[in-house]
Amino acid sequence: MLSADALRPDHFVIASVASVSARLRSLRLGRQLHEHFVVSPYSGDDVVKSSLVDMYCKCGFPDDARKVFDSMGAKNSVVWTALVSGYASNGRGEEALQLFRSMPGRNLFAWTALISGLVKTGESVGAVELFVEMRRDDIRIDDAFVLSIVIGGAGQAVAWFRNEAWVPVQHDSWECVD
C-alpha cells in the first residue's frame, strides 16, 4: 500500500503544474500550487520559483511574480527574461525597461521579450527606440528575432519596419515592394 508521503508531489511535479497553470492562465490553480509549494520541503527550489514567476506573469499578475523573483537566490537569464516579458506584456513598459536595464548579461532573448511585449501592448515608440539602441550597441539580430516581432505586433509591425531608423535603405526599395 502507498504511504501518504509517496503521493506528495516533488519539485518536478510542482514546476510542471505551474507551467500548466501558466498555459491555462489559471490563476486559481497557480495560487493553490504556490500555497502548497511554500510549505513543502522544496520551498527553496529556484526552478519551481522560476515556473511560478512565469505563471504569475502569464496570468496577468507581474507584481506577484516580482515577489517570487525577489525571494530567489541565483537568478538566471531565463527568469530575468520571464519577468521583463511579463511586465512588458501586461502593459507595464516602464517597469519592464527598469528591470531590463538592471539585468546582468542581457541577451537577444531578453531584448526580444521586451521589444515584443512593448509592441503587443501598443508601445511602438518605445519598441523602436529600444531597437535603435540595440542596433547601436551592435547586438546581432537574426530572422527569428524579426519574425517574433512580426508575430508579436502583427499590424503594428509593418509601420515599425518602415521606420528609417531601422531600415538602412532608401525609400525607393520599399516602393518596389508596395
Protein backbone atom coordinates (compact mmCIF):
# COMPACT_ATOMS: atom_id res chain seq x y z
CA MET A 1 0.00 0.00 0.00
CA LEU A 2 1.23 3.53 -0.81
CA SER A 3 2.01 5.87 2.05
CA ALA A 4 0.84 9.49 2.10
CA ASP A 5 4.46 10.58 1.62
CA ALA A 6 4.67 8.64 -1.64
CA LEU A 7 1.78 10.67 -3.03
CA ARG A 8 3.28 14.09 -2.30
CA PRO A 9 4.42 15.93 -5.40
CA ASP A 10 8.11 16.66 -5.71
CA HIS A 11 9.67 19.81 -7.15
CA PHE A 12 9.48 18.43 -10.72
CA VAL A 13 5.72 17.94 -10.44
CA ILE A 14 5.22 21.34 -8.82
CA ALA A 15 7.19 23.09 -11.61
CA SER A 16 5.22 21.16 -14.26
CA VAL A 17 1.87 22.08 -12.74
CA ALA A 18 2.98 25.72 -12.55
CA SER A 19 3.75 25.58 -16.28
CA VAL A 20 0.33 24.08 -16.97
CA SER A 21 -1.29 26.81 -14.85
CA ALA A 22 0.56 29.41 -16.93
CA ARG A 23 -0.58 27.90 -20.22
CA LEU A 24 -4.17 27.68 -19.00
CA ARG A 25 -3.95 31.18 -17.49
CA SER A 26 -5.40 29.61 -14.34
CA LEU A 27 -4.51 31.97 -11.53
CA ARG A 28 -6.64 29.99 -9.07
CA LEU A 29 -4.72 26.77 -9.72
CA GLY A 30 -1.41 28.65 -9.69
CA ARG A 31 -2.11 30.30 -6.33
CA GLN A 32 -3.15 26.97 -4.81
CA LEU A 33 0.06 25.45 -6.10
CA HIS A 34 2.10 28.34 -4.71
CA GLU A 35 0.48 27.91 -1.29
CA HIS A 36 1.38 24.21 -1.36
CA PHE A 37 4.91 24.98 -2.51
CA VAL A 38 5.62 27.45 0.31
CA VAL A 39 5.03 24.77 2.96
CA SER A 40 6.65 21.95 1.00
CA PRO A 41 10.18 20.66 1.55
CA TYR A 42 11.04 22.21 -1.85
CA SER A 43 10.20 25.79 -0.92
CA GLY A 44 13.74 26.92 -1.72
CA ASP A 45 13.83 25.40 -5.20
CA ASP A 46 14.65 28.13 -7.74
CA VAL A 47 13.44 26.04 -10.69
CA VAL A 48 9.96 25.96 -9.15
CA LYS A 49 10.18 29.66 -8.32
CA SER A 50 11.10 30.36 -11.94
CA SER A 51 7.97 28.47 -13.06
CA LEU A 52 5.89 30.49 -10.60
CA VAL A 53 7.33 33.76 -11.95
CA ASP A 54 6.30 32.69 -15.46
CA MET A 55 2.84 31.59 -14.26
CA TYR A 56 2.07 34.85 -12.45
CA CYS A 57 3.22 36.91 -15.44
CA LYS A 58 1.14 34.92 -17.91
CA CYS A 59 -1.88 35.16 -15.63
CA GLY A 60 -1.52 38.95 -15.60
CA PHE A 61 -0.01 39.46 -12.15
CA PRO A 62 3.59 40.62 -12.65
CA ASP A 63 3.78 42.14 -9.14
CA ASP A 64 3.19 38.68 -7.63
CA ALA A 65 5.84 37.34 -10.00
CA ARG A 66 8.21 40.02 -8.75
CA LYS A 67 7.71 38.91 -5.14
CA VAL A 68 8.67 35.36 -6.08
CA PHE A 69 11.59 36.66 -8.17
CA ASP A 70 12.88 38.75 -5.25
CA SER A 71 12.81 35.67 -3.00
CA MET A 72 15.09 33.72 -5.33
CA GLY A 73 18.76 33.14 -4.70
CA ALA A 74 20.57 32.87 -8.01
CA LYS A 75 18.65 34.38 -10.90
CA ASN A 76 19.48 33.16 -14.37
CA SER A 77 18.73 34.87 -17.67
CA VAL A 78 15.59 32.76 -18.17
CA VAL A 79 13.84 34.05 -15.05
CA TRP A 80 15.04 37.62 -15.69
CA THR A 81 13.64 37.44 -19.22
CA ALA A 82 10.34 35.95 -17.99
CA LEU A 83 9.88 38.83 -15.56
CA VAL A 84 10.85 41.52 -18.08
CA SER A 85 8.49 39.97 -20.61
CA GLY A 86 5.75 39.69 -18.02
CA TYR A 87 5.83 43.37 -17.17
CA ALA A 88 6.05 44.42 -20.83
CA SER A 89 3.25 42.08 -21.95
CA ASN A 90 1.00 43.35 -19.19
CA GLY A 91 1.31 46.97 -20.30
CA ARG A 92 3.92 47.93 -17.73
CA GLY A 93 6.64 49.02 -20.12
CA GLU A 94 8.43 51.44 -17.79
CA GLU A 95 8.87 48.79 -15.11
CA ALA A 96 9.93 46.26 -17.73
CA LEU A 97 12.55 48.69 -19.01
CA GLN A 98 13.86 49.38 -15.48
CA LEU A 99 14.22 45.64 -14.86
CA PHE A 100 15.85 45.17 -18.24
CA ARG A 101 18.37 47.93 -17.51
CA SER A 102 19.31 46.24 -14.22
CA MET A 103 19.52 42.76 -15.79
CA PRO A 104 23.03 41.32 -15.85
CA GLY A 105 24.11 39.81 -19.16
CA ARG A 106 21.24 40.94 -21.35
CA ASN A 107 20.93 38.63 -24.33
CA LEU A 108 18.95 38.52 -27.55
CA PHE A 109 16.09 36.69 -25.83
CA ALA A 110 15.70 39.49 -23.28
CA TRP A 111 15.80 42.17 -25.99
CA THR A 112 13.22 40.20 -27.99
CA ALA A 113 10.93 39.70 -24.98
CA LEU A 114 10.98 43.37 -24.08
CA ILE A 115 10.52 44.72 -27.61
CA SER A 116 7.80 42.16 -28.41
CA GLY A 117 5.97 42.97 -25.19
CA LEU A 118 6.05 46.68 -25.95
CA VAL A 119 4.79 46.12 -29.50
CA LYS A 120 1.96 43.86 -28.27
CA THR A 121 0.74 46.49 -25.83
CA GLY A 122 0.87 49.33 -28.35
CA GLU A 123 4.06 50.96 -27.06
CA SER A 124 5.58 51.04 -30.54
CA VAL A 125 7.63 54.20 -29.98
CA GLY A 126 9.40 52.62 -27.02
CA ALA A 127 9.95 49.45 -29.04
CA VAL A 128 11.52 51.39 -31.90
CA GLU A 129 13.76 53.33 -29.50
CA LEU A 130 14.97 50.05 -27.97
CA PHE A 131 15.52 48.55 -31.38
CA VAL A 132 17.64 51.53 -32.42
CA GLU A 133 19.59 51.20 -29.15
CA MET A 134 20.05 47.51 -29.83
CA ARG A 135 21.45 48.22 -33.29
CA ARG A 136 23.68 50.97 -31.87
CA ASP A 137 25.03 48.50 -29.26
CA ASP A 138 25.84 46.14 -32.13
CA ILE A 139 23.58 43.34 -30.92
CA ARG A 140 23.34 40.82 -33.75
CA ILE A 141 19.81 40.08 -34.83
CA ASP A 142 18.58 37.16 -36.86
CA ASP A 143 15.46 36.15 -38.77
CA ALA A 144 13.93 34.58 -35.65
CA PHE A 145 14.15 37.92 -33.85
CA VAL A 146 12.42 39.79 -36.65
CA LEU A 147 9.78 37.07 -37.04
CA SER A 148 8.98 37.14 -33.33
CA ILE A 149 8.43 40.89 -33.51
CA VAL A 150 6.17 40.49 -36.55
CA ILE A 151 4.14 37.81 -34.84
CA GLY A 152 4.04 39.81 -31.60
CA GLY A 153 2.88 43.01 -33.19
CA ALA A 154 1.20 41.89 -36.41
CA GLY A 155 -0.31 45.05 -37.91
CA GLN A 156 1.80 47.49 -35.92
CA ALA A 157 4.98 45.81 -37.13
CA VAL A 158 4.54 46.98 -40.73
CA ALA A 159 4.80 50.64 -39.76
CA TRP A 160 7.65 49.82 -37.41
CA PHE A 161 9.66 48.02 -40.13
CA ARG A 162 9.34 51.02 -42.46
CA ASN A 163 10.94 53.34 -39.92
CA GLU A 164 14.13 54.80 -41.40
CA ALA A 165 15.94 54.35 -38.09
CA TRP A 166 15.60 50.60 -38.55
CA VAL A 167 15.92 50.10 -42.28
CA PRO A 168 19.24 51.33 -43.62
CA VAL A 169 17.99 51.50 -47.23
CA GLN A 170 16.42 54.16 -49.41
CA HIS A 171 12.64 54.56 -49.61
CA ASP A 172 12.82 53.56 -53.27
CA SER A 173 13.31 49.93 -52.28
CA TRP A 174 10.02 49.95 -50.36
CA GLU A 175 8.23 51.26 -53.42
CA CYS A 176 9.24 48.05 -55.21
CA VAL A 177 7.50 46.00 -52.51
CA ASP A 178 4.27 48.05 -52.49
